[in-house]
PDB file of all heavy atoms in Angstrom:
ATOM      1  N   ALA A   1     -29.007  55.152 -18.877  1.00  0.00           N
ATOM      2  CA  ALA A   1     -28.515  53.779 -18.873  1.00  0.00           C
ATOM      3  C   ALA A   1     -27.032  53.814 -18.526  1.00  0.00           C
ATOM      4  O   ALA A   1     -26.341  54.803 -18.780  1.00  0.00           O
ATOM      5  CB  ALA A   1     -28.718  53.137 -20.241  1.00  0.00           C
ATOM      6  N   VAL A   2     -26.559  52.743 -17.956  1.00  0.00           N
ATOM      7  CA  VAL A   2     -25.146  52.646 -17.599  1.00  0.00           C
ATOM      8  C   VAL A   2     -24.527  51.439 -18.290  1.00  0.00           C
ATOM      9  O   VAL A   2     -25.132  50.371 -18.360  1.00  0.00           O
ATOM     10  CB  VAL A   2     -24.965  52.516 -16.076  1.00  0.00           C
ATOM     11  CG1 VAL A   2     -23.499  52.262 -15.729  1.00  0.00           C
ATOM     12  CG2 VAL A   2     -25.452  53.778 -15.371  1.00  0.00           C
ATOM     13  N   GLY A   3     -23.350  51.639 -18.804  1.00  0.00           N
ATOM     14  CA  GLY A   3     -22.613  50.547 -19.419  1.00  0.00           C
ATOM     15  C   GLY A   3     -21.246  50.409 -18.779  1.00  0.00           C
ATOM     16  O   GLY A   3     -20.676  51.373 -18.268  1.00  0.00           O
ATOM     17  N   TRP A   4     -20.747  49.195 -18.794  1.00  0.00           N
ATOM     18  CA  TRP A   4     -19.366  48.924 -18.395  1.00  0.00           C
ATOM     19  C   TRP A   4     -18.604  48.464 -19.630  1.00  0.00           C
ATOM     20  O   TRP A   4     -19.090  47.616 -20.388  1.00  0.00           O
ATOM     21  CB  TRP A   4     -19.285  47.852 -17.317  1.00  0.00           C
ATOM     22  CG  TRP A   4     -19.658  48.324 -15.947  1.00  0.00           C
ATOM     23  CD1 TRP A   4     -20.868  48.215 -15.338  1.00  0.00           C
ATOM     24  CD2 TRP A   4     -18.803  48.984 -15.008  1.00  0.00           C
ATOM     25  NE1 TRP A   4     -20.828  48.769 -14.080  1.00  0.00           N
ATOM     26  CE2 TRP A   4     -19.561  49.244 -13.847  1.00  0.00           C
ATOM     27  CE3 TRP A   4     -17.453  49.383 -15.026  1.00  0.00           C
ATOM     28  CZ2 TRP A   4     -19.032  49.887 -12.721  1.00  0.00           C
ATOM     29  CZ3 TRP A   4     -16.931  50.013 -13.912  1.00  0.00           C
ATOM     30  CH2 TRP A   4     -17.709  50.259 -12.781  1.00  0.00           C
ATOM     31  N   PHE A   5     -17.434  49.006 -19.810  1.00  0.00           N
ATOM     32  CA  PHE A   5     -16.544  48.636 -20.897  1.00  0.00           C
ATOM     33  C   PHE A   5     -15.179  48.308 -20.304  1.00  0.00           C
ATOM     34  O   PHE A   5     -14.898  48.640 -19.158  1.00  0.00           O
ATOM     35  CB  PHE A   5     -16.399  49.798 -21.898  1.00  0.00           C
ATOM     36  CG  PHE A   5     -17.639  50.072 -22.691  1.00  0.00           C
ATOM     37  CD1 PHE A   5     -18.739  50.711 -22.120  1.00  0.00           C
ATOM     38  CD2 PHE A   5     -17.722  49.690 -24.028  1.00  0.00           C
ATOM     39  CE1 PHE A   5     -19.887  50.963 -22.859  1.00  0.00           C
ATOM     40  CE2 PHE A   5     -18.864  49.934 -24.773  1.00  0.00           C
ATOM     41  CZ  PHE A   5     -19.943  50.575 -24.184  1.00  0.00           C
ATOM     42  N   ARG A   6     -14.338  47.674 -21.084  1.00  0.00           N
ATOM     43  CA  ARG A   6     -12.980  47.411 -20.636  1.00  0.00           C
ATOM     44  C   ARG A   6     -12.004  47.545 -21.798  1.00  0.00           C
ATOM     45  O   ARG A   6     -12.387  47.378 -22.961  1.00  0.00           O
ATOM     46  CB  ARG A   6     -12.867  46.025 -20.008  1.00  0.00           C
ATOM     47  CG  ARG A   6     -13.078  44.865 -20.968  1.00  0.00           C
ATOM     48  CD  ARG A   6     -13.115  43.551 -20.198  1.00  0.00           C
ATOM     49  NE  ARG A   6     -13.271  42.400 -21.091  1.00  0.00           N
ATOM     50  CZ  ARG A   6     -13.450  41.159 -20.657  1.00  0.00           C
ATOM     51  NH1 ARG A   6     -13.497  40.903 -19.361  1.00  0.00           N
ATOM     52  NH2 ARG A   6     -13.580  40.169 -21.529  1.00  0.00           N
ATOM     53  N   GLN A   7     -10.774  47.853 -21.442  1.00  0.00           N
ATOM     54  CA  GLN A   7      -9.745  48.013 -22.461  1.00  0.00           C
ATOM     55  C   GLN A   7      -8.447  47.402 -21.953  1.00  0.00           C
ATOM     56  O   GLN A   7      -7.897  47.855 -20.939  1.00  0.00           O
ATOM     57  CB  GLN A   7      -9.542  49.487 -22.808  1.00  0.00           C
ATOM     58  CG  GLN A   7      -8.619  49.711 -23.987  1.00  0.00           C
ATOM     59  CD  GLN A   7      -8.714  51.120 -24.526  1.00  0.00           C
ATOM     60  OE1 GLN A   7      -9.199  52.047 -23.866  1.00  0.00           O
ATOM     61  NE2 GLN A   7      -8.287  51.323 -25.765  1.00  0.00           N
ATOM     62  N   ALA A   8      -7.993  46.396 -22.654  1.00  0.00           N
ATOM     63  CA  ALA A   8      -6.727  45.752 -22.343  1.00  0.00           C
ATOM     64  C   ALA A   8      -5.620  46.434 -23.158  1.00  0.00           C
ATOM     65  O   ALA A   8      -5.902  47.047 -24.195  1.00  0.00           O
ATOM     66  CB  ALA A   8      -6.803  44.270 -22.669  1.00  0.00           C
ATOM     67  N   PRO A   9      -4.382  46.326 -22.720  1.00  0.00           N
ATOM     68  CA  PRO A   9      -3.275  46.972 -23.443  1.00  0.00           C
ATOM     69  C   PRO A   9      -3.214  46.519 -24.895  1.00  0.00           C
ATOM     70  O   PRO A   9      -3.268  45.321 -25.192  1.00  0.00           O
ATOM     71  CB  PRO A   9      -2.031  46.500 -22.673  1.00  0.00           C
ATOM     72  CG  PRO A   9      -2.528  46.227 -21.308  1.00  0.00           C
ATOM     73  CD  PRO A   9      -3.916  45.677 -21.480  1.00  0.00           C
ATOM     74  N   GLY A  10      -3.139  47.489 -25.799  1.00  0.00           N
ATOM     75  CA  GLY A  10      -3.031  47.180 -27.213  1.00  0.00           C
ATOM     76  C   GLY A  10      -4.325  46.770 -27.881  1.00  0.00           C
ATOM     77  O   GLY A  10      -4.329  46.407 -29.059  1.00  0.00           O
ATOM     78  N   LYS A  11      -5.423  46.828 -27.120  1.00  0.00           N
ATOM     79  CA  LYS A  11      -6.708  46.410 -27.686  1.00  0.00           C
ATOM     80  C   LYS A  11      -7.700  47.565 -27.646  1.00  0.00           C
ATOM     81  O   LYS A  11      -7.542  48.524 -26.894  1.00  0.00           O
ATOM     82  CB  LYS A  11      -7.262  45.208 -26.936  1.00  0.00           C
ATOM     83  CG  LYS A  11      -6.425  43.954 -27.092  1.00  0.00           C
ATOM     84  CD  LYS A  11      -7.132  42.761 -26.501  1.00  0.00           C
ATOM     85  CE  LYS A  11      -6.354  41.471 -26.740  1.00  0.00           C
ATOM     86  NZ  LYS A  11      -7.054  40.279 -26.195  1.00  0.00           N
ATOM     87  N   GLU A  12      -8.745  47.437 -28.441  1.00  0.00           N
ATOM     88  CA  GLU A  12      -9.793  48.451 -28.430  1.00  0.00           C
ATOM     89  C   GLU A  12     -10.681  48.279 -27.191  1.00  0.00           C
ATOM     90  O   GLU A  12     -10.774  47.191 -26.619  1.00  0.00           O
ATOM     91  CB  GLU A  12     -10.638  48.339 -29.698  1.00  0.00           C
ATOM     92  CG  GLU A  12      -9.905  48.723 -30.961  1.00  0.00           C
ATOM     93  CD  GLU A  12     -10.815  48.792 -32.167  1.00  0.00           C
ATOM     94  OE1 GLU A  12     -11.992  48.398 -32.050  1.00  0.00           O
ATOM     95  OE2 GLU A  12     -10.349  49.250 -33.233  1.00  0.00           O
ATOM     96  N   ARG A  13     -11.322  49.371 -26.831  1.00  0.00           N
ATOM     97  CA  ARG A  13     -12.276  49.319 -25.723  1.00  0.00           C
ATOM     98  C   ARG A  13     -13.460  48.465 -26.152  1.00  0.00           C
ATOM     99  O   ARG A  13     -14.007  48.645 -27.245  1.00  0.00           O
ATOM    100  CB  ARG A  13     -12.718  50.729 -25.357  1.00  0.00           C
ATOM    101  CG  ARG A  13     -13.432  50.845 -24.036  1.00  0.00           C
ATOM    102  CD  ARG A  13     -13.594  52.289 -23.602  1.00  0.00           C
ATOM    103  NE  ARG A  13     -12.295  52.943 -23.400  1.00  0.00           N
ATOM    104  CZ  ARG A  13     -12.176  54.151 -22.861  1.00  0.00           C
ATOM    105  NH1 ARG A  13     -13.264  54.829 -22.472  1.00  0.00           N
ATOM    106  NH2 ARG A  13     -10.985  54.684 -22.729  1.00  0.00           N
ATOM    107  N   GLU A  14     -13.876  47.557 -25.274  1.00  0.00           N
ATOM    108  CA  GLU A  14     -14.955  46.645 -25.633  1.00  0.00           C
ATOM    109  C   GLU A  14     -16.071  46.657 -24.590  1.00  0.00           C
ATOM    110  O   GLU A  14     -15.852  46.887 -23.398  1.00  0.00           O
ATOM    111  CB  GLU A  14     -14.422  45.214 -25.789  1.00  0.00           C
ATOM    112  CG  GLU A  14     -13.870  44.595 -24.539  1.00  0.00           C
ATOM    113  CD  GLU A  14     -13.467  43.146 -24.729  1.00  0.00           C
ATOM    114  OE1 GLU A  14     -13.494  42.634 -25.862  1.00  0.00           O
ATOM    115  OE2 GLU A  14     -13.115  42.509 -23.710  1.00  0.00           O
ATOM    116  N   PHE A  15     -17.234  46.368 -25.075  1.00  0.00           N
ATOM    117  CA  PHE A  15     -18.439  46.311 -24.245  1.00  0.00           C
ATOM    118  C   PHE A  15     -18.381  45.129 -23.287  1.00  0.00           C
ATOM    119  O   PHE A  15     -17.954  44.035 -23.665  1.00  0.00           O
ATOM    120  CB  PHE A  15     -19.659  46.202 -25.145  1.00  0.00           C
ATOM    121  CG  PHE A  15     -20.942  45.924 -24.426  1.00  0.00           C
ATOM    122  CD1 PHE A  15     -21.603  46.944 -23.745  1.00  0.00           C
ATOM    123  CD2 PHE A  15     -21.488  44.663 -24.419  1.00  0.00           C
ATOM    124  CE1 PHE A  15     -22.793  46.689 -23.085  1.00  0.00           C
ATOM    125  CE2 PHE A  15     -22.673  44.394 -23.761  1.00  0.00           C
ATOM    126  CZ  PHE A  15     -23.330  45.415 -23.090  1.00  0.00           C
ATOM    127  N   VAL A  16     -18.839  45.350 -22.067  1.00  0.00           N
ATOM    128  CA  VAL A  16     -18.910  44.290 -21.068  1.00  0.00           C
ATOM    129  C   VAL A  16     -20.361  44.037 -20.659  1.00  0.00           C
ATOM    130  O   VAL A  16     -20.850  42.912 -20.735  1.00  0.00           O
ATOM    131  CB  VAL A  16     -18.067  44.639 -19.824  1.00  0.00           C
ATOM    132  CG1 VAL A  16     -18.252  43.593 -18.732  1.00  0.00           C
ATOM    133  CG2 VAL A  16     -16.600  44.784 -20.194  1.00  0.00           C
ATOM    134  N   ALA A  17     -21.051  45.094 -20.226  1.00  0.00           N
ATOM    135  CA  ALA A  17     -22.414  44.928 -19.740  1.00  0.00           C
ATOM    136  C   ALA A  17     -23.118  46.270 -19.741  1.00  0.00           C
ATOM    137  O   ALA A  17     -22.474  47.319 -19.721  1.00  0.00           O
ATOM    138  CB  ALA A  17     -22.423  44.328 -18.333  1.00  0.00           C
ATOM    139  N   ALA A  18     -24.453  46.230 -19.751  1.00  0.00           N
ATOM    140  CA  ALA A  18     -25.238  47.462 -19.696  1.00  0.00           C
ATOM    141  C   ALA A  18     -26.498  47.204 -18.904  1.00  0.00           C
ATOM    142  O   ALA A  18     -26.974  46.067 -18.804  1.00  0.00           O
ATOM    143  CB  ALA A  18     -25.570  47.961 -21.106  1.00  0.00           C
ATOM    144  N   ILE A  19     -27.055  48.285 -18.367  1.00  0.00           N
ATOM    145  CA  ILE A  19     -28.257  48.177 -17.554  1.00  0.00           C
ATOM    146  C   ILE A  19     -29.163  49.365 -17.842  1.00  0.00           C
ATOM    147  O   ILE A  19     -28.699  50.491 -18.051  1.00  0.00           O
ATOM    148  CB  ILE A  19     -27.888  48.080 -16.057  1.00  0.00           C
ATOM    149  CG1 ILE A  19     -29.099  47.744 -15.199  1.00  0.00           C
ATOM    150  CG2 ILE A  19     -27.206  49.358 -15.570  1.00  0.00           C
ATOM    151  CD1 ILE A  19     -28.727  47.319 -13.780  1.00  0.00           C
ATOM    152  N   SER A  20     -30.454  49.122 -17.858  1.00  0.00           N
ATOM    153  CA  SER A  20     -31.421  50.168 -18.149  1.00  0.00           C
ATOM    154  C   SER A  20     -31.582  51.110 -16.962  1.00  0.00           C
ATOM    155  O   SER A  20     -31.053  50.882 -15.885  1.00  0.00           O
ATOM    156  CB  SER A  20     -32.772  49.536 -18.496  1.00  0.00           C
ATOM    157  OG  SER A  20     -33.276  48.826 -17.372  1.00  0.00           O
ATOM    158  N   ARG A  21     -32.353  52.159 -17.161  1.00  0.00           N
ATOM    159  CA  ARG A  21     -32.543  53.164 -16.111  1.00  0.00           C
ATOM    160  C   ARG A  21     -33.121  52.571 -14.836  1.00  0.00           C
ATOM    161  O   ARG A  21     -32.706  52.903 -13.728  1.00  0.00           O
ATOM    162  CB  ARG A  21     -33.482  54.267 -16.611  1.00  0.00           C
ATOM    163  CG  ARG A  21     -32.940  55.070 -17.753  1.00  0.00           C
ATOM    164  CD  ARG A  21     -33.942  56.093 -18.224  1.00  0.00           C
ATOM    165  NE  ARG A  21     -35.194  55.496 -18.651  1.00  0.00           N
ATOM    166  CZ  ARG A  21     -36.163  56.178 -19.234  1.00  0.00           C
ATOM    167  NH1 ARG A  21     -36.019  57.475 -19.445  1.00  0.00           N
ATOM    168  NH2 ARG A  21     -37.271  55.567 -19.591  1.00  0.00           N
ATOM    169  N   SER A  22     -34.076  51.680 -15.008  1.00  0.00           N
ATOM    170  CA  SER A  22     -34.750  51.090 -13.848  1.00  0.00           C
ATOM    171  C   SER A  22     -33.941  49.957 -13.232  1.00  0.00           C
ATOM    172  O   SER A  22     -34.178  49.569 -12.087  1.00  0.00           O
ATOM    173  CB  SER A  22     -36.111  50.551 -14.268  1.00  0.00           C
ATOM    174  OG  SER A  22     -35.937  49.477 -15.186  1.00  0.00           O
ATOM    175  N   GLY A  23     -33.016  49.417 -14.006  1.00  0.00           N
ATOM    176  CA  GLY A  23     -32.254  48.260 -13.548  1.00  0.00           C
ATOM    177  C   GLY A  23     -32.905  46.942 -13.886  1.00  0.00           C
ATOM    178  O   GLY A  23     -32.348  45.877 -13.596  1.00  0.00           O
ATOM    179  N   LEU A  24     -34.064  46.992 -14.542  1.00  0.00           N
ATOM    180  CA  LEU A  24     -34.798  45.755 -14.817  1.00  0.00           C
ATOM    181  C   LEU A  24     -34.267  45.015 -16.040  1.00  0.00           C
ATOM    182  O   LEU A  24     -34.514  43.824 -16.198  1.00  0.00           O
ATOM    183  CB  LEU A  24     -36.281  46.079 -14.999  1.00  0.00           C
ATOM    184  CG  LEU A  24     -37.005  46.610 -13.754  1.00  0.00           C
ATOM    185  CD1 LEU A  24     -38.454  46.927 -14.082  1.00  0.00           C
ATOM    186  CD2 LEU A  24     -36.920  45.604 -12.618  1.00  0.00           C
ATOM    187  N   LYS A  25     -33.564  45.729 -16.910  1.00  0.00           N
ATOM    188  CA  LYS A  25     -33.050  45.106 -18.128  1.00  0.00           C
ATOM    189  C   LYS A  25     -31.521  45.187 -18.144  1.00  0.00           C
ATOM    190  O   LYS A  25     -30.954  46.260 -17.895  1.00  0.00           O
ATOM    191  CB  LYS A  25     -33.642  45.782 -19.357  1.00  0.00           C
ATOM    192  CG  LYS A  25     -35.144  45.619 -19.461  1.00  0.00           C
ATOM    193  CD  LYS A  25     -35.686  46.227 -20.735  1.00  0.00           C
ATOM    194  CE  LYS A  25     -37.192  46.027 -20.835  1.00  0.00           C
ATOM    195  NZ  LYS A  25     -37.757  46.592 -22.086  1.00  0.00           N
ATOM    196  N   THR A  26     -30.905  44.064 -18.452  1.00  0.00           N
ATOM    197  CA  THR A  26     -29.449  44.014 -18.504  1.00  0.00           C
ATOM    198  C   THR A  26     -28.996  43.274 -19.758  1.00  0.00           C
ATOM    199  O   THR A  26     -29.745  42.464 -20.325  1.00  0.00           O
ATOM    200  CB  THR A  26     -28.862  43.300 -17.274  1.00  0.00           C
ATOM    201  OG1 THR A  26     -29.419  41.982 -17.201  1.00  0.00           O
ATOM    202  CG2 THR A  26     -29.191  44.051 -15.991  1.00  0.00           C
ATOM    203  N   ASN A  27     -27.767  43.559 -20.167  1.00  0.00           N
ATOM    204  CA  ASN A  27     -27.191  42.912 -21.337  1.00  0.00           C
ATOM    205  C   ASN A  27     -25.718  42.658 -21.058  1.00  0.00           C
ATOM    206  O   ASN A  27     -25.068  43.459 -20.383  1.00  0.00           O
ATOM    207  CB  ASN A  27     -27.330  43.806 -22.570  1.00  0.00           C
ATOM    208  CG  ASN A  27     -28.740  44.288 -22.786  1.00  0.00           C
ATOM    209  OD1 ASN A  27     -29.106  45.365 -22.300  1.00  0.00           O
ATOM    210  ND2 ASN A  27     -29.528  43.514 -23.485  1.00  0.00           N
ATOM    211  N   TYR A  28     -25.216  41.561 -21.617  1.00  0.00           N
ATOM    212  CA  TYR A  28     -23.834  41.180 -21.358  1.00  0.00           C
ATOM    213  C   TYR A  28     -23.133  40.762 -22.644  1.00  0.00           C
ATOM    214  O   TYR A  28     -23.751  40.204 -23.559  1.00  0.00           O
ATOM    215  CB  TYR A  28     -23.788  40.007 -20.376  1.00  0.00           C
ATOM    216  CG  TYR A  28     -24.342  40.327 -19.016  1.00  0.00           C
ATOM    217  CD1 TYR A  28     -25.674  40.101 -18.716  1.00  0.00           C
ATOM    218  CD2 TYR A  28     -23.522  40.874 -18.028  1.00  0.00           C
ATOM    219  CE1 TYR A  28     -26.194  40.413 -17.468  1.00  0.00           C
ATOM    220  CE2 TYR A  28     -24.030  41.190 -16.777  1.00  0.00           C
ATOM    221  CZ  TYR A  28     -25.368  40.957 -16.511  1.00  0.00           C
ATOM    222  OH  TYR A  28     -25.864  41.266 -15.259  1.00  0.00           O
ATOM    223  N   ALA A  29     -21.837  41.000 -22.672  1.00  0.00           N
ATOM    224  CA  ALA A  29     -21.028  40.456 -23.751  1.00  0.00           C
ATOM    225  C   ALA A  29     -20.866  38.957 -23.510  1.00  0.00           C
ATOM    226  O   ALA A  29     -20.838  38.498 -22.360  1.00  0.00           O
ATOM    227  CB  ALA A  29     -19.666  41.137 -23.765  1.00  0.00           C
ATOM    228  N   ASP A  30     -20.756  38.209 -24.588  1.00  0.00           N
ATOM    229  CA  ASP A  30     -20.672  36.753 -24.451  1.00  0.00           C
ATOM    230  C   ASP A  30     -19.530  36.277 -23.546  1.00  0.00           C
ATOM    231  O   ASP A  30     -19.717  35.339 -22.765  1.00  0.00           O
ATOM    232  CB  ASP A  30     -20.540  36.123 -25.840  1.00  0.00           C
ATOM    233  CG  ASP A  30     -21.857  36.174 -26.622  1.00  0.00           C
ATOM    234  OD1 ASP A  30     -22.913  36.408 -25.998  1.00  0.00           O
ATOM    235  OD2 ASP A  30     -21.829  35.975 -27.850  1.00  0.00           O
ATOM    236  N   PRO A  31     -18.349  36.888 -23.602  1.00  0.00           N
ATOM    237  CA  PRO A  31     -17.239  36.370 -22.773  1.00  0.00           C
ATOM    238  C   PRO A  31     -17.471  36.466 -21.257  1.00  0.00           C
ATOM    239  O   PRO A  31     -16.789  35.780 -20.488  1.00  0.00           O
ATOM    240  CB  PRO A  31     -16.051  37.236 -23.191  1.00  0.00           C
ATOM    241  CG  PRO A  31     -16.390  37.729 -24.541  1.00  0.00           C
ATOM    242  CD  PRO A  31     -17.879  37.938 -24.511  1.00  0.00           C
ATOM    243  N   VAL A  32     -18.400  37.309 -20.834  1.00  0.00           N
ATOM    244  CA  VAL A  32     -18.622  37.500 -19.393  1.00  0.00           C
ATOM    245  C   VAL A  32     -19.969  36.983 -18.933  1.00  0.00           C
ATOM    246  O   VAL A  32     -20.241  36.967 -17.722  1.00  0.00           O
ATOM    247  CB  VAL A  32     -18.472  38.989 -18.990  1.00  0.00           C
ATOM    248  CG1 VAL A  32     -17.151  39.549 -19.506  1.00  0.00           C
ATOM    249  CG2 VAL A  32     -19.639  39.833 -19.481  1.00  0.00           C
ATOM    250  N   LYS A  33     -20.788  36.556 -19.860  1.00  0.00           N
ATOM    251  CA  LYS A  33     -22.134  36.102 -19.520  1.00  0.00           C
ATOM    252  C   LYS A  33     -22.050  34.919 -18.559  1.00  0.00           C
ATOM    253  O   LYS A  33     -21.293  33.973 -18.774  1.00  0.00           O
ATOM    254  CB  LYS A  33     -22.866  35.713 -20.810  1.00  0.00           C
ATOM    255  CG  LYS A  33     -24.371  35.776 -20.731  1.00  0.00           C
ATOM    256  CD  LYS A  33     -24.989  35.607 -22.104  1.00  0.00           C
ATOM    257  CE  LYS A  33     -24.762  36.790 -22.995  1.00  0.00           C
ATOM    258  NZ  LYS A  33     -25.452  36.681 -24.296  1.00  0.00           N
ATOM    259  N   GLY A  34     -22.821  34.996 -17.490  1.00  0.00           N
ATOM    260  CA  GLY A  34     -22.818  33.938 -16.488  1.00  0.00           C
ATOM    261  C   GLY A  34     -21.771  34.121 -15.408  1.00  0.00           C
ATOM    262  O   GLY A  34     -21.799  33.441 -14.377  1.00  0.00           O
ATOM    263  N   ARG A  35     -20.817  35.042 -15.626  1.00  0.00           N
ATOM    264  CA  ARG A  35     -19.769  35.288 -14.618  1.00  0.00           C
ATOM    265  C   ARG A  35     -19.876  36.682 -14.016  1.00  0.00           C
ATOM    266  O   ARG A  35     -19.549  36.872 -12.846  1.00  0.00           O
ATOM    267  CB  ARG A  35     -18.380  35.126 -15.253  1.00  0.00           C
ATOM    268  CG  ARG A  35     -18.103  33.759 -15.817  1.00  0.00           C
ATOM    269  CD  ARG A  35     -16.641  33.631 -16.248  1.00  0.00           C
ATOM    270  NE  ARG A  35     -16.286  34.552 -17.320  1.00  0.00           N
ATOM    271  CZ  ARG A  35     -15.316  35.466 -17.246  1.00  0.00           C
ATOM    272  NH1 ARG A  35     -14.598  35.581 -16.134  1.00  0.00           N
ATOM    273  NH2 ARG A  35     -15.050  36.258 -18.280  1.00  0.00           N
TER     274      ARG A  35
END
């Protein structure tokens, strides 16, 4: 599985999105959902 995370200055690394091995299942953090 692959995940994307991000880290802004002075902040902890946070989850952005993830995708399953096949690519059929995805998950998003609320702040980026729909964008």
